[in-house]
All heavy atoms as atom14 arrays in JSON, in Angstrom:
{
  "sequence": "AILDSSDTVRVGLDACAICGHQGYYQDGKNVIC",
  "atom14_mask": [
    [1, 1, 1, 1, 1, 0, 0, 0, 0, 0, 0, 0, 0, 0],
    [1, 1, 1, 1, 1, 1, 1, 1, 0, 0, 0, 0, 0, 0],
    [1, 1, 1, 1, 1, 1, 1, 1, 0, 0, 0, 0, 0, 0],
    [1, 1, 1, 1, 1, 1, 1, 1, 0, 0, 0, 0, 0, 0],
    [1, 1, 1, 1, 1, 1, 0, 0, 0, 0, 0, 0, 0, 0],
    [1, 1, 1, 1, 1, 1, 0, 0, 0, 0, 0, 0, 0, 0],
    [1, 1, 1, 1, 1, 1, 1, 1, 0, 0, 0, 0, 0, 0],
    [1, 1, 1, 1, 1, 1, 1, 0, 0, 0, 0, 0, 0, 0],
    [1, 1, 1, 1, 1, 1, 1, 0, 0, 0, 0, 0, 0, 0],
    [1, 1, 1, 1, 1, 1, 1, 1, 1, 1, 1, 0, 0, 0],
    [1, 1, 1, 1, 1, 1, 1, 0, 0, 0, 0, 0, 0, 0],
    [1, 1, 1, 1, 0, 0, 0, 0, 0, 0, 0, 0, 0, 0],
    [1, 1, 1, 1, 1, 1, 1, 1, 0, 0, 0, 0, 0, 0],
    [1, 1, 1, 1, 1, 1, 1, 1, 0, 0, 0, 0, 0, 0],
    [1, 1, 1, 1, 1, 0, 0, 0, 0, 0, 0, 0, 0, 0],
    [1, 1, 1, 1, 1, 1, 0, 0, 0, 0, 0, 0, 0, 0],
    [1, 1, 1, 1, 1, 0, 0, 0, 0, 0, 0, 0, 0, 0],
    [1, 1, 1, 1, 1, 1, 1, 1, 0, 0, 0, 0, 0, 0],
    [1, 1, 1, 1, 1, 1, 0, 0, 0, 0, 0, 0, 0, 0],
    [1, 1, 1, 1, 0, 0, 0, 0, 0, 0, 0, 0, 0, 0],
    [1, 1, 1, 1, 1, 1, 1, 1, 1, 1, 0, 0, 0, 0],
    [1, 1, 1, 1, 1, 1, 1, 1, 1, 0, 0, 0, 0, 0],
    [1, 1, 1, 1, 0, 0, 0, 0, 0, 0, 0, 0, 0, 0],
    [1, 1, 1, 1, 1, 1, 1, 1, 1, 1, 1, 1, 0, 0],
    [1, 1, 1, 1, 1, 1, 1, 1, 1, 1, 1, 1, 0, 0],
    [1, 1, 1, 1, 1, 1, 1, 1, 1, 0, 0, 0, 0, 0],
    [1, 1, 1, 1, 1, 1, 1, 1, 0, 0, 0, 0, 0, 0],
    [1, 1, 1, 1, 0, 0, 0, 0, 0, 0, 0, 0, 0, 0],
    [1, 1, 1, 1, 1, 1, 1, 1, 1, 0, 0, 0, 0, 0],
    [1, 1, 1, 1, 1, 1, 1, 1, 0, 0, 0, 0, 0, 0],
    [1, 1, 1, 1, 1, 1, 1, 0, 0, 0, 0, 0, 0, 0],
    [1, 1, 1, 1, 1, 1, 1, 1, 0, 0, 0, 0, 0, 0],
    [1, 1, 1, 1, 1, 1, 0, 0, 0, 0, 0, 0, 0, 0]
  ],
  "atom14_positions": [
    [[9.83, 34.21, -92.59], [10.55, 35.03, -91.67], [10.86, 36.4, -92.29], [11.14, 36.42, -93.46], [11.76, 34.29, -91.18], [0.0, 0.0, 0.0], [0.0, 0.0, 0.0], [0.0, 0.0, 0.0], [0.0, 0.0, 0.0], [0.0, 0.0, 0.0], [0.0, 0.0, 0.0], [0.0, 0.0, 0.0], [0.0, 0.0, 0.0], [0.0, 0.0, 0.0]],
    [[10.85, 37.39, -91.46], [11.14, 38.76, -91.92], [11.66, 39.54, -90.8], [11.32, 39.26, -89.59], [9.92, 39.43, -92.58], [10.31, 40.64, -93.27], [8.82, 39.6, -91.5], [9.18, 41.24, -94.17], [0.0, 0.0, 0.0], [0.0, 0.0, 0.0], [0.0, 0.0, 0.0], [0.0, 0.0, 0.0], [0.0, 0.0, 0.0], [0.0, 0.0, 0.0]],
    [[12.48, 40.43, -90.96], [12.99, 41.42, -89.94], [12.17, 42.62, -90.03], [11.99, 43.21, -91.1], [14.45, 41.74, -90.26], [15.3, 42.24, -89.11], [15.4, 41.24, -87.98], [16.65, 42.62, -89.64], [0.0, 0.0, 0.0], [0.0, 0.0, 0.0], [0.0, 0.0, 0.0], [0.0, 0.0, 0.0], [0.0, 0.0, 0.0], [0.0, 0.0, 0.0]],
    [[11.46, 43.08, -88.9], [10.6, 44.25, -88.97], [11.37, 45.52, -88.88], [12.71, 45.45, -88.74], [9.5, 44.16, -87.94], [9.95, 44.29, -86.51], [11.05, 44.75, -86.25], [9.12, 43.96, -85.6], [0.0, 0.0, 0.0], [0.0, 0.0, 0.0], [0.0, 0.0, 0.0], [0.0, 0.0, 0.0], [0.0, 0.0, 0.0], [0.0, 0.0, 0.0]],
    [[10.77, 46.66, -88.87], [11.52, 47.89, -88.88], [12.25, 48.16, -87.57], [13.13, 49.04, -87.59], [10.56, 49.1, -89.15], [9.53, 49.12, -88.13], [0.0, 0.0, 0.0], [0.0, 0.0, 0.0], [0.0, 0.0, 0.0], [0.0, 0.0, 0.0], [0.0, 0.0, 0.0], [0.0, 0.0, 0.0], [0.0, 0.0, 0.0], [0.0, 0.0, 0.0]],
    [[11.95, 47.47, -86.45], [12.69, 47.62, -85.3], [13.87, 46.62, -85.18], [14.41, 46.4, -84.06], [11.74, 47.51, -84.05], [11.34, 46.18, -83.84], [0.0, 0.0, 0.0], [0.0, 0.0, 0.0], [0.0, 0.0, 0.0], [0.0, 0.0, 0.0], [0.0, 0.0, 0.0], [0.0, 0.0, 0.0], [0.0, 0.0, 0.0], [0.0, 0.0, 0.0]],
    [[14.1, 45.84, -86.27], [15.07, 44.86, -86.41], [14.77, 43.64, -85.49], [15.64, 42.93, -85.06], [16.54, 45.32, -86.08], [16.99, 46.2, -87.24], [16.53, 46.04, -88.38], [17.84, 47.07, -87.04], [0.0, 0.0, 0.0], [0.0, 0.0, 0.0], [0.0, 0.0, 0.0], [0.0, 0.0, 0.0], [0.0, 0.0, 0.0], [0.0, 0.0, 0.0]],
    [[13.5, 43.35, -85.28], [13.02, 42.17, -84.52], [12.68, 41.16, -85.57], [11.93, 41.37, -86.51], [11.77, 42.55, -83.71], [12.15, 43.55, -82.76], [11.33, 41.24, -82.95], [0.0, 0.0, 0.0], [0.0, 0.0, 0.0], [0.0, 0.0, 0.0], [0.0, 0.0, 0.0], [0.0, 0.0, 0.0], [0.0, 0.0, 0.0], [0.0, 0.0, 0.0]],
    [[13.11, 39.91, -85.32], [12.8, 38.72, -86.21], [11.38, 38.33, -85.96], [10.94, 38.26, -84.83], [13.8, 37.52, -85.91], [13.31, 36.29, -86.68], [15.16, 37.96, -86.19], [0.0, 0.0, 0.0], [0.0, 0.0, 0.0], [0.0, 0.0, 0.0], [0.0, 0.0, 0.0], [0.0, 0.0, 0.0], [0.0, 0.0, 0.0], [0.0, 0.0, 0.0]],
    [[10.62, 38.25, -87.01], [9.19, 37.9, -86.95], [9.13, 36.55, -87.77], [9.52, 36.55, -88.94], [8.2, 38.82, -87.51], [8.31, 40.24, -86.89], [7.92, 40.13, -85.42], [8.05, 41.46, -84.83], [7.69, 41.76, -83.62], [7.11, 40.79, -82.9], [7.86, 42.99, -83.11], [0.0, 0.0, 0.0], [0.0, 0.0, 0.0], [0.0, 0.0, 0.0]],
    [[8.53, 35.44, -87.16], [8.35, 34.22, -87.86], [6.96, 33.68, -87.72], [6.33, 33.82, -86.76], [9.33, 33.22, -87.23], [9.26, 31.84, -87.91], [10.87, 33.75, -87.35], [0.0, 0.0, 0.0], [0.0, 0.0, 0.0], [0.0, 0.0, 0.0], [0.0, 0.0, 0.0], [0.0, 0.0, 0.0], [0.0, 0.0, 0.0], [0.0, 0.0, 0.0]],
    [[6.49, 33.05, -88.74], [5.16, 32.45, -88.73], [5.17, 31.26, -89.74], [6.03, 31.19, -90.64], [0.0, 0.0, 0.0], [0.0, 0.0, 0.0], [0.0, 0.0, 0.0], [0.0, 0.0, 0.0], [0.0, 0.0, 0.0], [0.0, 0.0, 0.0], [0.0, 0.0, 0.0], [0.0, 0.0, 0.0], [0.0, 0.0, 0.0], [0.0, 0.0, 0.0]],
    [[4.05, 30.51, -89.81], [3.86, 29.57, -90.83], [3.37, 30.29, -92.04], [2.79, 31.37, -91.97], [2.73, 28.6, -90.42], [3.08, 27.7, -89.19], [1.92, 26.7, -88.87], [4.4, 26.95, -89.4], [0.0, 0.0, 0.0], [0.0, 0.0, 0.0], [0.0, 0.0, 0.0], [0.0, 0.0, 0.0], [0.0, 0.0, 0.0], [0.0, 0.0, 0.0]],
    [[3.72, 29.67, -93.21], [3.15, 30.24, -94.5], [1.8, 29.72, -94.76], [1.43, 29.2, -95.73], [4.11, 29.82, -95.62], [4.01, 30.61, -96.86], [3.46, 31.81, -96.81], [4.46, 30.15, -97.98], [0.0, 0.0, 0.0], [0.0, 0.0, 0.0], [0.0, 0.0, 0.0], [0.0, 0.0, 0.0], [0.0, 0.0, 0.0], [0.0, 0.0, 0.0]],
    [[0.94, 29.99, -93.73], [-0.39, 29.61, -93.67], [-1.14, 30.4, -92.64], [-0.62, 30.9, -91.72], [-0.56, 28.16, -93.35], [0.0, 0.0, 0.0], [0.0, 0.0, 0.0], [0.0, 0.0, 0.0], [0.0, 0.0, 0.0], [0.0, 0.0, 0.0], [0.0, 0.0, 0.0], [0.0, 0.0, 0.0], [0.0, 0.0, 0.0], [0.0, 0.0, 0.0]],
    [[-2.51, 30.49, -92.78], [-3.29, 31.1, -91.76], [-4.52, 30.29, -91.48], [-4.96, 29.43, -92.22], [-3.66, 32.56, -92.15], [-5.13, 32.76, -93.18], [0.0, 0.0, 0.0], [0.0, 0.0, 0.0], [0.0, 0.0, 0.0], [0.0, 0.0, 0.0], [0.0, 0.0, 0.0], [0.0, 0.0, 0.0], [0.0, 0.0, 0.0], [0.0, 0.0, 0.0]],
    [[-5.22, 30.6, -90.32], [-6.29, 29.87, -89.81], [-7.55, 30.05, -90.67], [-8.42, 29.2, -90.74], [-6.57, 30.16, -88.42], [0.0, 0.0, 0.0], [0.0, 0.0, 0.0], [0.0, 0.0, 0.0], [0.0, 0.0, 0.0], [0.0, 0.0, 0.0], [0.0, 0.0, 0.0], [0.0, 0.0, 0.0], [0.0, 0.0, 0.0], [0.0, 0.0, 0.0]],
    [[-7.55, 31.25, -91.46], [-8.68, 31.54, -92.26], [-8.59, 31.01, -93.67], [-9.44, 30.3, -94.15], [-9.01, 33.1, -92.29], [-9.26, 33.56, -90.78], [-10.1, 33.48, -93.2], [-9.31, 35.08, -90.74], [0.0, 0.0, 0.0], [0.0, 0.0, 0.0], [0.0, 0.0, 0.0], [0.0, 0.0, 0.0], [0.0, 0.0, 0.0], [0.0, 0.0, 0.0]],
    [[-7.48, 31.28, -94.27], [-7.35, 31.01, -95.68], [-6.53, 29.65, -96.03], [-6.42, 29.34, -97.14], [-6.59, 32.18, -96.44], [-7.65, 33.63, -96.49], [0.0, 0.0, 0.0], [0.0, 0.0, 0.0], [0.0, 0.0, 0.0], [0.0, 0.0, 0.0], [0.0, 0.0, 0.0], [0.0, 0.0, 0.0], [0.0, 0.0, 0.0], [0.0, 0.0, 0.0]],
    [[-6.09, 29.07, -94.99], [-5.37, 27.73, -95.13], [-3.89, 27.99, -95.58], [-3.29, 29.05, -95.19], [0.0, 0.0, 0.0], [0.0, 0.0, 0.0], [0.0, 0.0, 0.0], [0.0, 0.0, 0.0], [0.0, 0.0, 0.0], [0.0, 0.0, 0.0], [0.0, 0.0, 0.0], [0.0, 0.0, 0.0], [0.0, 0.0, 0.0], [0.0, 0.0, 0.0]],
    [[-3.37, 27.13, -96.39], [-1.87, 27.14, -96.69], [-1.65, 27.8, -98.03], [-0.68, 27.35, -98.75], [-1.35, 25.73, -96.61], [-1.98, 24.74, -97.45], [-1.66, 24.62, -98.74], [-3.02, 23.78, -97.18], [-2.41, 23.59, -99.27], [-3.22, 23.11, -98.3], [0.0, 0.0, 0.0], [0.0, 0.0, 0.0], [0.0, 0.0, 0.0], [0.0, 0.0, 0.0]],
    [[-2.44, 28.8, -98.46], [-2.2, 29.53, -99.64], [-0.81, 30.33, -99.55], [-0.25, 30.53, -100.58], [-3.4, 30.4, -100.03], [-4.62, 29.73, -100.22], [-4.53, 28.78, -101.3], [-4.02, 29.12, -102.41], [-5.14, 27.58, -101.12], [0.0, 0.0, 0.0], [0.0, 0.0, 0.0], [0.0, 0.0, 0.0], [0.0, 0.0, 0.0], [0.0, 0.0, 0.0]],
    [[-0.63, 30.83, -98.37], [0.7, 31.48, -98.15], [0.69, 32.97, -98.41], [-0.36, 33.62, -98.53], [0.0, 0.0, 0.0], [0.0, 0.0, 0.0], [0.0, 0.0, 0.0], [0.0, 0.0, 0.0], [0.0, 0.0, 0.0], [0.0, 0.0, 0.0], [0.0, 0.0, 0.0], [0.0, 0.0, 0.0], [0.0, 0.0, 0.0], [0.0, 0.0, 0.0]],
    [[1.86, 33.55, -98.38], [2.06, 34.97, -98.37], [3.19, 35.46, -99.33], [3.94, 34.6, -99.69], [2.36, 35.53, -96.94], [1.38, 35.18, -95.86], [1.44, 33.97, -95.23], [0.35, 36.01, -95.58], [0.49, 33.67, -94.34], [-0.59, 35.68, -94.67], [-0.53, 34.54, -94.03], [-1.52, 34.23, -93.1], [0.0, 0.0, 0.0], [0.0, 0.0, 0.0]],
    [[3.08, 36.66, -99.71], [4.17, 37.31, -100.56], [4.29, 38.67, -100.07], [3.59, 39.21, -99.31], [3.85, 37.2, -102.05], [2.67, 38.03, -102.43], [2.87, 39.31, -102.99], [1.34, 37.52, -102.4], [1.81, 40.14, -103.32], [0.31, 38.37, -102.75], [0.58, 39.72, -103.26], [-0.51, 40.48, -103.64], [0.0, 0.0, 0.0], [0.0, 0.0, 0.0]],
    [[5.47, 39.22, -100.44], [5.75, 40.7, -100.1], [5.51, 41.51, -101.25], [5.93, 41.3, -102.38], [7.2, 40.78, -99.57], [7.49, 42.14, -98.99], [8.84, 42.17, -98.43], [9.69, 41.23, -98.45], [9.15, 43.32, -97.75], [0.0, 0.0, 0.0], [0.0, 0.0, 0.0], [0.0, 0.0, 0.0], [0.0, 0.0, 0.0], [0.0, 0.0, 0.0]],
    [[4.87, 42.67, -100.97], [4.62, 43.75, -101.97], [5.17, 45.01, -101.3], [4.49, 45.6, -100.49], [3.21, 43.79, -102.31], [2.97, 44.8, -103.47], [3.95, 45.29, -104.17], [1.8, 45.23, -103.65], [0.0, 0.0, 0.0], [0.0, 0.0, 0.0], [0.0, 0.0, 0.0], [0.0, 0.0, 0.0], [0.0, 0.0, 0.0], [0.0, 0.0, 0.0]],
    [[6.37, 45.44, -101.65], [6.89, 46.62, -101.06], [7.15, 46.41, -99.57], [7.76, 45.37, -99.19], [0.0, 0.0, 0.0], [0.0, 0.0, 0.0], [0.0, 0.0, 0.0], [0.0, 0.0, 0.0], [0.0, 0.0, 0.0], [0.0, 0.0, 0.0], [0.0, 0.0, 0.0], [0.0, 0.0, 0.0], [0.0, 0.0, 0.0], [0.0, 0.0, 0.0]],
    [[6.51, 47.21, -98.71], [6.77, 47.03, -97.26], [5.67, 46.27, -96.66], [5.45, 46.25, -95.43], [6.78, 48.42, -96.66], [8.06, 49.22, -97.0], [8.24, 50.35, -96.26], [9.54, 51.09, -96.66], [10.36, 51.53, -95.62], [0.0, 0.0, 0.0], [0.0, 0.0, 0.0], [0.0, 0.0, 0.0], [0.0, 0.0, 0.0], [0.0, 0.0, 0.0]],
    [[4.77, 45.66, -97.5], [3.62, 44.91, -96.94], [3.81, 43.38, -97.25], [4.38, 42.99, -98.31], [2.37, 45.36, -97.57], [2.04, 46.74, -97.36], [2.07, 47.21, -96.17], [1.65, 47.53, -98.29], [0.0, 0.0, 0.0], [0.0, 0.0, 0.0], [0.0, 0.0, 0.0], [0.0, 0.0, 0.0], [0.0, 0.0, 0.0], [0.0, 0.0, 0.0]],
    [[3.24, 42.58, -96.33], [3.11, 41.11, -96.57], [1.61, 40.92, -96.9], [0.82, 41.41, -96.13], [3.54, 40.38, -95.3], [3.2, 38.91, -95.43], [5.02, 40.51, -95.06], [0.0, 0.0, 0.0], [0.0, 0.0, 0.0], [0.0, 0.0, 0.0], [0.0, 0.0, 0.0], [0.0, 0.0, 0.0], [0.0, 0.0, 0.0], [0.0, 0.0, 0.0]],
    [[1.38, 40.12, -97.92], [0.03, 40.02, -98.45], [-0.39, 38.59, -98.45], [0.41, 37.69, -98.86], [-0.1, 40.56, -99.93], [0.5, 41.88, -99.99], [-1.49, 40.47, -100.39], [-0.23, 43.06, -99.36], [0.0, 0.0, 0.0], [0.0, 0.0, 0.0], [0.0, 0.0, 0.0], [0.0, 0.0, 0.0], [0.0, 0.0, 0.0], [0.0, 0.0, 0.0]],
    [[-1.63, 38.22, -98.05], [-2.13, 36.89, -98.1], [-2.38, 36.58, -99.55], [-3.05, 37.35, -100.28], [-3.44, 36.81, -97.28], [-4.27, 35.21, -97.56], [0.0, 0.0, 0.0], [0.0, 0.0, 0.0], [0.0, 0.0, 0.0], [0.0, 0.0, 0.0], [0.0, 0.0, 0.0], [0.0, 0.0, 0.0], [0.0, 0.0, 0.0], [0.0, 0.0, 0.0]]
  ]
}
């Protein structure tokens, strides 16, 4: 979960349909697979 620049809550699974459940991390203002 993260709050975007418009202060909207964004939620998703820590997984994607392509890469599976490897997850994500944040690097500065970016979320990275």
